[in-house]
Protein backbone atom coordinates (compact mmCIF):
# COMPACT_ATOMS: atom_id res chain seq x y z
CA UNK A 1 -10.80 -4.96 -6.23
CA UNK A 2 -7.53 -3.96 -5.56
CA UNK A 3 -6.41 -5.46 -1.97
CA UNK A 4 -2.96 -6.09 -2.90
CA UNK A 5 -2.37 -3.21 -4.48
CA UNK A 6 -3.39 -0.99 -1.88
CA UNK A 7 -1.05 -3.21 0.57
CA UNK A 8 2.01 -2.57 -1.95
CA UNK A 9 1.09 1.36 -2.03
CA UNK A 10 0.61 1.46 2.14
CA UNK A 11 4.04 -0.37 1.87
CA UNK A 12 5.74 2.53 -0.60
CA UNK A 13 4.13 5.48 1.59
CA UNK A 14 1.10 5.76 0.40
CA UNK A 15 -1.86 6.82 2.68
CA UNK A 16 -4.60 4.49 1.36
CA UNK A 17 -7.81 3.32 1.45
CA UNK A 18 -9.05 0.30 0.80
CA UNK A 19 -12.63 -0.92 2.05
CA UNK A 20 -14.40 -3.53 0.13
CA UNK A 21 -17.72 -3.71 2.86
CA UNK A 22 -17.96 0.45 1.14
CA UNK A 23 -20.33 0.65 -1.56
CA UNK A 24 -19.60 3.07 -4.71
CA UNK A 25 -21.75 5.77 -3.52
CA UNK A 26 -19.88 5.52 -0.60
CA UNK A 27 -16.09 5.85 -2.53
CA UNK A 28 -17.08 8.80 -4.48
CA UNK A 29 -18.10 11.13 -1.60
CA UNK A 30 -14.84 9.98 0.44
CA UNK A 31 -12.80 10.58 -2.44
CA UNK A 32 -14.60 13.85 -3.20
CA UNK A 33 -14.35 14.70 -0.20
CA UNK A 34 -10.63 13.87 1.04
CA UNK A 35 -9.16 14.87 -2.50
CA UNK A 36 -8.35 11.17 -3.06
CA UNK A 37 -7.88 9.66 -6.44
CA UNK A 38 -10.36 6.53 -6.99
CA UNK A 39 -8.86 3.68 -8.60
CA UNK A 40 -11.62 1.15 -9.78
CA UNK A 41 -11.83 -1.75 -12.64
CA UNK A 42 -15.44 -0.48 -13.44
CA UNK A 43 -16.18 1.28 -16.16
CA UNK A 44 -19.76 2.61 -14.25
CA UNK A 45 -17.93 3.90 -11.97
CA UNK A 46 -14.84 5.70 -13.63
CA UNK A 47 -18.31 7.73 -15.27
CA UNK A 48 -19.77 8.51 -11.99
CA UNK A 49 -15.99 10.27 -10.87
CA UNK A 50 -15.84 11.92 -13.96
CA UNK A 51 -19.09 13.36 -14.00
CA UNK A 52 -18.35 14.42 -10.57
CA UNK A 53 -15.17 15.53 -11.46
CA UNK A 54 -13.29 12.92 -8.99
CA UNK A 55 -9.68 11.74 -10.00
CA UNK A 56 -10.23 8.40 -11.33
CA UNK A 57 -8.11 5.98 -12.79
CA UNK A 58 -9.05 2.76 -14.73
CA UNK A 59 -6.53 -0.03 -13.95
CA UNK A 60 -7.57 -3.74 -14.77
CA UNK A 61 -4.13 -5.12 -14.27
CA UNK A 62 -2.77 -7.65 -11.86
CA UNK A 63 -1.17 -5.98 -8.78
CA UNK A 64 2.28 -6.00 -10.18
CA UNK A 65 0.68 -4.14 -13.57
CA UNK A 66 -1.43 -1.67 -12.16
CA UNK A 67 1.61 -0.86 -9.24
CA UNK A 68 3.88 -0.47 -12.54
CA UNK A 69 0.50 1.88 -13.94
CA UNK A 70 0.42 4.14 -10.83
CA UNK A 71 3.80 4.26 -10.68
CA UNK A 72 4.60 5.78 -14.13
CA UNK A 73 1.46 7.55 -13.79
CA UNK A 74 2.25 9.74 -10.53
CA UNK A 75 5.65 9.33 -10.20
CA UNK A 76 5.86 6.77 -7.06
CA UNK A 77 9.49 5.95 -5.87
CA UNK A 78 9.62 2.40 -5.72
CA UNK A 79 11.37 1.91 -2.39
CA UNK A 80 9.96 0.56 0.13
CA UNK A 81 10.94 2.52 3.32
CA UNK A 82 10.17 1.27 6.87
CA UNK A 83 10.49 5.52 7.35
CA UNK A 84 7.76 6.66 5.53
CA UNK A 85 5.76 2.81 5.35
CA UNK A 86 2.25 2.37 6.34
CA UNK A 87 0.88 -0.82 7.66
CA UNK A 88 0.27 -2.58 4.84
CA UNK A 89 -2.92 -4.36 6.76
CA UNK A 90 -4.62 -0.91 8.40
CA UNK A 91 -2.94 2.33 6.56
CA UNK A 92 -1.56 3.69 9.70
CA UNK A 93 1.99 4.88 10.10
CA UNK A 94 4.66 2.34 11.59
CA UNK A 95 6.97 3.76 13.67
CA UNK A 96 10.37 2.48 14.82
CA UNK A 97 10.97 1.09 17.90
CA UNK A 98 13.33 -0.28 20.46
CA UNK A 99 14.12 -3.91 19.97
CA UNK A 100 13.26 -4.92 23.45
CA UNK A 101 9.82 -3.07 23.41
CA UNK A 102 8.45 -6.12 20.64
CA UNK A 103 10.28 -9.17 23.12
CA UNK A 104 7.23 -10.88 23.60
CA UNK A 105 5.56 -9.80 20.06
CA UNK A 106 7.90 -12.00 18.09
CA UNK A 107 9.28 -15.34 18.17
CA UNK A 108 12.32 -16.02 19.51
CA UNK A 109 14.54 -16.77 16.64
CA UNK A 110 13.30 -13.31 14.79
CA UNK A 111 14.11 -11.56 17.77
CA UNK A 112 17.83 -13.29 17.54
CA UNK A 113 18.31 -12.68 14.00
CA UNK A 114 17.05 -9.21 13.47
CA UNK A 115 17.74 -5.54 15.14
CA UNK A 116 15.67 -3.41 13.88
CA UNK A 117 11.71 -3.44 14.33
CA UNK A 118 8.81 -1.24 13.63
CA UNK A 119 5.37 -1.65 14.67
CA UNK A 120 2.31 0.20 13.82
CA UNK A 121 0.61 2.89 15.50
CA UNK A 122 -2.99 1.80 15.20
CA UNK A 123 -3.85 0.34 18.94
CA UNK A 124 -6.50 -2.38 17.46
CA UNK A 125 -3.70 -3.43 15.07
CA UNK A 126 -0.20 -3.18 16.77
CA UNK A 127 1.69 -5.56 14.30
CA UNK A 128 5.68 -5.57 14.35
CA UNK A 129 7.47 -5.39 11.42
CA UNK A 130 11.41 -5.98 10.06
CA UNK A 131 13.59 -6.79 7.28
CA UNK A 132 13.08 -10.24 7.48
CA UNK A 133 12.99 -13.24 4.46
CA UNK A 134 9.99 -12.11 3.20
CA UNK A 135 12.38 -8.36 2.41
CA UNK A 136 13.82 -10.29 -0.25
CA UNK A 137 10.82 -11.53 -2.27
CA UNK A 138 9.41 -7.23 -2.09
CA UNK A 139 12.63 -6.74 -3.68
CA UNK A 140 12.11 -8.78 -6.59
CA UNK A 141 8.16 -8.10 -6.98
CA UNK A 142 9.70 -4.42 -7.34
CA UNK A 143 12.15 -5.01 -9.86
CA UNK A 144 9.13 -6.65 -11.75
CA UNK A 145 7.06 -3.70 -11.55
CA UNK A 146 10.07 -1.87 -12.83
CA UNK A 147 10.19 -3.71 -16.01
CA UNK A 148 6.95 -3.37 -16.63
CA UNK A 149 7.20 0.43 -16.00
CA UNK A 150 9.87 0.54 -18.45
CA UNK A 151 7.69 -0.89 -21.07
CA UNK A 152 4.39 1.50 -20.41
CA UNK A 153 4.41 4.15 -23.39
């Protein structure tokens, strides 16, 4: 339901579980046991969560509107800071690495253009991140989210 929303929450530094292979009962159990907030578009799941006293938020917009709502409701800073960001793919922490450590993992042009790199700490992921041209798109999206946030009551 919220794959893009989950990736953005991770980029913003939030430990975010997203797994479309988990059924509703498992999500409710995880949310209860791990004290997580359940995000859903499913009105029946909202009621089930409320009956179990699990924090739940009903969302029905696209990821940009959802993030605006979440940022307002939970006072989320709309800043991507690699020092606190999590891997958008697997949710593990990312850490700064010396440029020389990732030379074989990125294209030569990327290696030549950028000096700061971060790597996922999950041994089965190990994705490398850097502030490339995609960062401009991140900033534009964050501005859209901030504008929508301003319009929320």
